[in-house]
Amino acid sequence: AEEACGLLFLSTTHRDEFMRRFVPADKRQDFLEKSVVIGNPLERFWEEHAAAPRTALVEDGRLHVLLVGRINKVKNIPMAAMAVGELRSRGVEATLTVVGEVEDEGELARIKAYDHVEVLPFMGPEELVDVYRTHDVFLLPSTVETFGRVYVEAMSQGLPVIYTKGQGFDGRYPDGEVGYAVSPDDPLEIADRIQAVAGDYAGLSERSLRHAADYYEDSIVDKVESFYERSMAAAKCEVVA
């Protein structure tokens, strides 16, 4: 990596972890100067079906929380169910919808033990877009996440997002810009942040939708091309005929 002309990372958290674990302190500034963070592109479907900004929660007196992801231990879905249960204990009529392929039957059983949770099978974008649009907040407190493109899908539909501190999506935006980072093992904090979303819903929805465009295919292609052009322009990377 020391001889590389450029370093490309999917997230700031992975960049920072790389610097901490593998780069001596006296060389980190040089490494940072040639590092770029560019996320994965969003499928063009979501760009073509971007929603309008939301001005308020779904108007039926409930708070609809959505989680899309594979049903396994890494996605930490029972913790999401506990957090929504905490909201209900506070008098918030909240529900959690989980959409995803079942990879762990034990996790599925744990999730289904909660009366306020509905589990739906895996579905493609054409069906999923309607599910996004009938929910208010996207929550995925994974214990490990490389990038988390599903957060951006939700943003393209105007949903604020709740994501895990120190994992893939964290660090892309300041806390409170498109949603909030949470500890994956703290249902009280998760519940607090969901309520914070409700307190600034219109602003969070508008910013989420606007920043989803950062991951549209053309935008990502432009960023990657710029990265390679800048990297190859470095003195030690000049092509000699």
Protein backbone atom coordinates (compact mmCIF):
# COMPACT_ATOMS: atom_id res chain seq x y z
CA ALA A 1 0.00 0.00 0.00
CA GLU A 2 2.93 2.35 0.64
CA GLU A 3 3.87 2.24 -3.05
CA ALA A 4 0.27 2.68 -4.23
CA CYS A 5 -0.68 5.91 -5.95
CA GLY A 6 -4.19 5.82 -4.55
CA LEU A 7 -6.25 3.90 -2.02
CA LEU A 8 -9.97 3.36 -2.49
CA PHE A 9 -12.28 2.47 0.43
CA LEU A 10 -15.99 1.68 0.63
CA SER A 11 -16.42 3.56 3.90
CA THR A 12 -14.67 5.96 6.24
CA THR A 13 -14.88 3.39 9.04
CA HIS A 14 -12.94 0.82 7.00
CA ARG A 15 -10.42 3.46 5.97
CA ASP A 16 -9.86 4.48 9.58
CA GLU A 17 -9.59 0.87 10.73
CA PHE A 18 -7.00 0.20 8.02
CA MET A 19 -4.99 3.22 9.10
CA ARG A 20 -5.14 2.23 12.76
CA ARG A 21 -4.19 -1.40 12.27
CA PHE A 22 -1.72 -1.35 9.39
CA VAL A 23 -0.19 2.09 8.93
CA PRO A 24 2.48 3.52 11.27
CA ALA A 25 1.43 6.78 12.91
CA ASP A 26 4.17 8.78 11.15
CA LYS A 27 2.91 7.70 7.71
CA ARG A 28 -0.85 8.05 8.19
CA GLN A 29 -1.09 11.58 6.81
CA ASP A 30 0.54 10.50 3.54
CA PHE A 31 -1.83 7.56 3.30
CA LEU A 32 -4.86 9.75 4.04
CA GLU A 33 -3.90 12.22 1.32
CA LYS A 34 -4.03 9.51 -1.33
CA SER A 35 -7.14 7.82 0.07
CA VAL A 36 -10.67 8.25 -1.29
CA VAL A 37 -13.95 6.89 0.10
CA ILE A 38 -16.52 5.94 -2.54
CA GLY A 39 -19.50 3.75 -1.75
CA ASN A 40 -21.16 1.15 -3.95
CA PRO A 41 -23.55 2.42 -6.64
CA LEU A 42 -27.29 2.10 -6.16
CA GLU A 43 -29.21 0.02 -8.66
CA ARG A 44 -30.64 2.26 -11.36
CA PHE A 45 -34.15 1.12 -10.43
CA TRP A 46 -34.01 3.18 -7.23
CA GLU A 47 -32.90 6.29 -9.10
CA GLU A 48 -35.72 5.86 -11.60
CA HIS A 49 -38.25 5.33 -8.80
CA ALA A 50 -37.04 7.94 -6.31
CA ALA A 51 -39.84 9.20 -4.08
CA ALA A 52 -40.80 12.74 -3.21
CA PRO A 53 -39.62 14.08 0.17
CA ARG A 54 -41.89 13.17 3.06
CA THR A 55 -43.39 15.98 5.09
CA ALA A 56 -44.85 13.80 7.84
CA LEU A 57 -45.19 10.25 9.12
CA VAL A 58 -47.66 7.88 7.51
CA GLU A 59 -50.99 9.24 8.71
CA ASP A 60 -52.58 6.36 10.60
CA GLY A 61 -51.47 7.11 14.14
CA ARG A 62 -48.64 4.58 14.11
CA LEU A 63 -44.88 4.71 13.71
CA HIS A 64 -43.92 2.20 11.02
CA VAL A 65 -40.33 0.95 11.32
CA LEU A 66 -38.85 -1.12 8.49
CA LEU A 67 -35.85 -3.46 8.40
CA VAL A 68 -34.69 -5.06 5.14
CA GLY A 69 -31.97 -7.69 5.38
CA ARG A 70 -31.17 -11.35 5.58
CA ILE A 71 -32.51 -12.99 8.70
CA ASN A 72 -29.34 -14.07 10.48
CA LYS A 73 -27.41 -13.19 13.63
CA VAL A 74 -25.29 -10.51 11.96
CA LYS A 75 -28.31 -8.36 11.12
CA ASN A 76 -29.19 -8.22 14.84
CA ILE A 77 -32.94 -8.16 14.18
CA PRO A 78 -34.07 -9.21 17.68
CA MET A 79 -32.40 -6.04 19.00
CA ALA A 80 -34.46 -4.00 16.55
CA ALA A 81 -37.58 -5.75 17.82
CA MET A 82 -36.59 -4.95 21.41
CA ALA A 83 -36.10 -1.28 20.54
CA VAL A 84 -39.54 -1.05 18.95
CA GLY A 85 -40.92 -2.80 22.02
CA GLU A 86 -39.30 -0.09 24.13
CA LEU A 87 -41.09 2.55 22.06
CA ARG A 88 -44.37 0.80 22.71
CA SER A 89 -43.67 0.81 26.44
CA ARG A 90 -43.30 4.60 26.13
CA GLY A 91 -46.76 4.87 24.64
CA VAL A 92 -45.68 5.04 20.99
CA GLU A 93 -47.79 2.78 18.79
CA ALA A 94 -44.84 1.45 16.83
CA THR A 95 -44.52 -1.64 14.65
CA LEU A 96 -41.58 -3.35 12.96
CA THR A 97 -41.72 -4.96 9.53
CA VAL A 98 -38.86 -7.28 8.58
CA VAL A 99 -38.28 -8.17 4.92
CA GLY A 100 -35.66 -10.72 4.03
CA GLU A 101 -34.49 -14.19 3.20
CA VAL A 102 -34.36 -16.58 6.16
CA GLU A 103 -30.84 -17.91 6.77
CA ASP A 104 -31.23 -18.79 10.44
CA GLU A 105 -34.44 -20.45 11.64
CA GLY A 106 -33.49 -19.76 15.27
CA GLU A 107 -33.30 -16.03 14.60
CA LEU A 108 -36.63 -16.18 12.80
CA ALA A 109 -38.24 -17.81 15.83
CA ARG A 110 -36.81 -15.13 18.14
CA ILE A 111 -38.18 -12.38 15.93
CA LYS A 112 -41.62 -13.93 15.62
CA ALA A 113 -41.92 -14.07 19.40
CA TYR A 114 -42.70 -10.34 19.34
CA ASP A 115 -46.33 -9.49 18.64
CA HIS A 116 -45.42 -6.12 17.13
CA VAL A 117 -43.21 -7.67 14.41
CA GLU A 118 -44.37 -8.73 10.95
CA VAL A 119 -42.01 -10.84 8.82
CA LEU A 120 -42.27 -10.73 5.02
CA PRO A 121 -40.31 -12.90 2.57
CA PHE A 122 -37.50 -11.65 0.35
CA MET A 123 -38.81 -9.55 -2.52
CA GLY A 124 -37.40 -7.78 -5.54
CA PRO A 125 -37.22 -4.01 -6.03
CA GLU A 126 -40.55 -3.82 -7.85
CA GLU A 127 -42.37 -5.10 -4.76
CA LEU A 128 -40.02 -3.65 -2.16
CA VAL A 129 -40.46 -0.06 -3.31
CA ASP A 130 -44.08 -0.12 -2.19
CA VAL A 131 -43.07 -1.47 1.22
CA TYR A 132 -40.59 1.38 1.70
CA ARG A 133 -43.27 3.91 0.85
CA THR A 134 -45.68 2.64 3.50
CA HIS A 135 -43.09 2.93 6.31
CA ASP A 136 -41.63 5.86 8.20
CA VAL A 137 -38.14 4.93 9.40
CA PHE A 138 -35.51 2.44 8.24
CA LEU A 139 -33.62 0.58 10.98
CA LEU A 140 -30.77 -1.92 10.55
CA PRO A 141 -28.52 -2.29 13.65
CA SER A 142 -26.18 -4.91 12.14
CA THR A 143 -23.25 -6.01 14.25
CA VAL A 144 -21.06 -5.95 11.11
CA GLU A 145 -21.72 -4.09 7.85
CA THR A 146 -19.31 -3.49 4.95
CA PHE A 147 -21.19 -0.63 3.31
CA GLY A 148 -24.93 -1.09 3.68
CA ARG A 149 -26.44 -0.24 0.32
CA VAL A 150 -29.89 -1.01 1.72
CA TYR A 151 -29.66 2.20 3.76
CA VAL A 152 -29.35 4.14 0.51
CA GLU A 153 -32.31 2.29 -1.00
CA ALA A 154 -34.38 3.51 1.94
CA MET A 155 -33.05 7.05 1.54
CA SER A 156 -34.11 7.05 -2.12
CA GLN A 157 -37.66 6.59 -0.85
CA GLY A 158 -37.39 9.48 1.60
CA LEU A 159 -36.89 7.36 4.72
CA PRO A 160 -34.50 8.53 7.45
CA VAL A 161 -32.13 5.72 8.46
CA ILE A 162 -30.83 4.30 11.75
CA TYR A 163 -27.45 2.59 11.29
CA THR A 164 -24.68 1.04 13.41
CA LYS A 165 -21.89 3.08 14.97
CA GLY A 166 -18.46 2.18 13.67
CA GLN A 167 -19.71 0.07 10.76
CA GLY A 168 -19.92 0.58 7.00
CA PHE A 169 -22.44 3.39 6.63
CA ASP A 170 -21.38 5.32 9.72
CA GLY A 171 -19.22 8.35 8.96
CA ARG A 172 -20.68 9.03 5.52
CA TYR A 173 -22.74 11.93 6.93
CA PRO A 174 -22.86 13.83 10.20
CA ASP A 175 -25.18 12.39 12.82
CA GLY A 176 -28.63 13.89 12.28
CA GLU A 177 -28.13 14.57 8.57
CA VAL A 178 -29.94 11.54 7.14
CA GLY A 179 -30.51 9.68 10.40
CA TYR A 180 -28.54 8.49 13.41
CA ALA A 181 -25.82 6.01 14.35
CA VAL A 182 -26.60 3.69 17.26
CA SER A 183 -24.87 1.09 19.39
CA PRO A 184 -26.07 -2.31 18.15
CA ASP A 185 -26.54 -3.65 21.68
CA ASP A 186 -28.51 -0.77 23.21
CA PRO A 187 -32.27 -0.93 22.57
CA LEU A 188 -32.89 2.19 24.68
CA GLU A 189 -30.55 4.26 22.51
CA ILE A 190 -32.10 2.86 19.34
CA ALA A 191 -35.56 3.79 20.62
CA ASP A 192 -34.32 7.29 21.49
CA ARG A 193 -32.96 7.81 17.98
CA ILE A 194 -36.15 6.62 16.34
CA GLN A 195 -38.03 9.19 18.38
CA ALA A 196 -35.47 11.82 17.38
CA VAL A 197 -36.23 11.04 13.74
CA ALA A 198 -39.91 11.69 14.36
CA GLY A 199 -38.97 15.08 15.81
CA ASP A 200 -37.29 16.31 12.60
CA TYR A 201 -39.02 14.13 10.07
CA ALA A 202 -39.47 16.50 7.14
CA GLY A 203 -35.86 17.73 7.26
CA LEU A 204 -34.38 14.24 7.59
CA SER A 205 -36.55 12.93 4.77
CA GLU A 206 -35.56 15.74 2.41
CA ARG A 207 -31.84 15.31 3.17
CA SER A 208 -32.04 11.52 2.86
CA LEU A 209 -33.57 11.78 -0.56
CA ARG A 210 -31.06 14.41 -1.68
CA HIS A 211 -28.05 12.41 -0.49
CA ALA A 212 -29.31 9.20 -2.09
CA ALA A 213 -28.26 10.85 -5.36
CA ASP A 214 -24.64 10.63 -4.14
CA TYR A 215 -24.86 6.92 -4.95
CA TYR A 216 -26.60 7.05 -8.31
CA GLU A 217 -24.63 5.16 -10.93
CA ASP A 218 -23.41 8.16 -12.92
CA SER A 219 -22.23 9.92 -9.77
CA ILE A 220 -20.25 6.89 -8.59
CA VAL A 221 -18.73 6.36 -12.05
CA ASP A 222 -17.59 9.99 -12.12
CA LYS A 223 -16.03 9.67 -8.68
CA VAL A 224 -14.19 6.46 -9.57
CA GLU A 225 -12.89 7.90 -12.84
CA SER A 226 -11.70 11.01 -11.01
CA PHE A 227 -9.96 8.81 -8.43
CA TYR A 228 -8.02 6.89 -11.08
CA GLU A 229 -7.14 10.01 -13.02
CA ARG A 230 -5.83 11.72 -9.89
CA SER A 231 -3.95 8.62 -8.79
CA MET A 232 -2.29 8.11 -12.17
CA ALA A 233 -1.31 11.79 -12.25
CA ALA A 234 0.89 11.27 -9.20
CA ALA A 235 4.56 11.65 -10.12
CA LYS A 236 5.58 8.08 -9.34
CA CYS A 237 2.69 6.72 -11.42
CA GLU A 238 3.52 8.50 -14.66
CA VAL A 239 3.46 6.16 -17.63
CA VAL A 240 6.80 6.21 -19.43
CA ALA A 241 6.72 5.38 -23.16
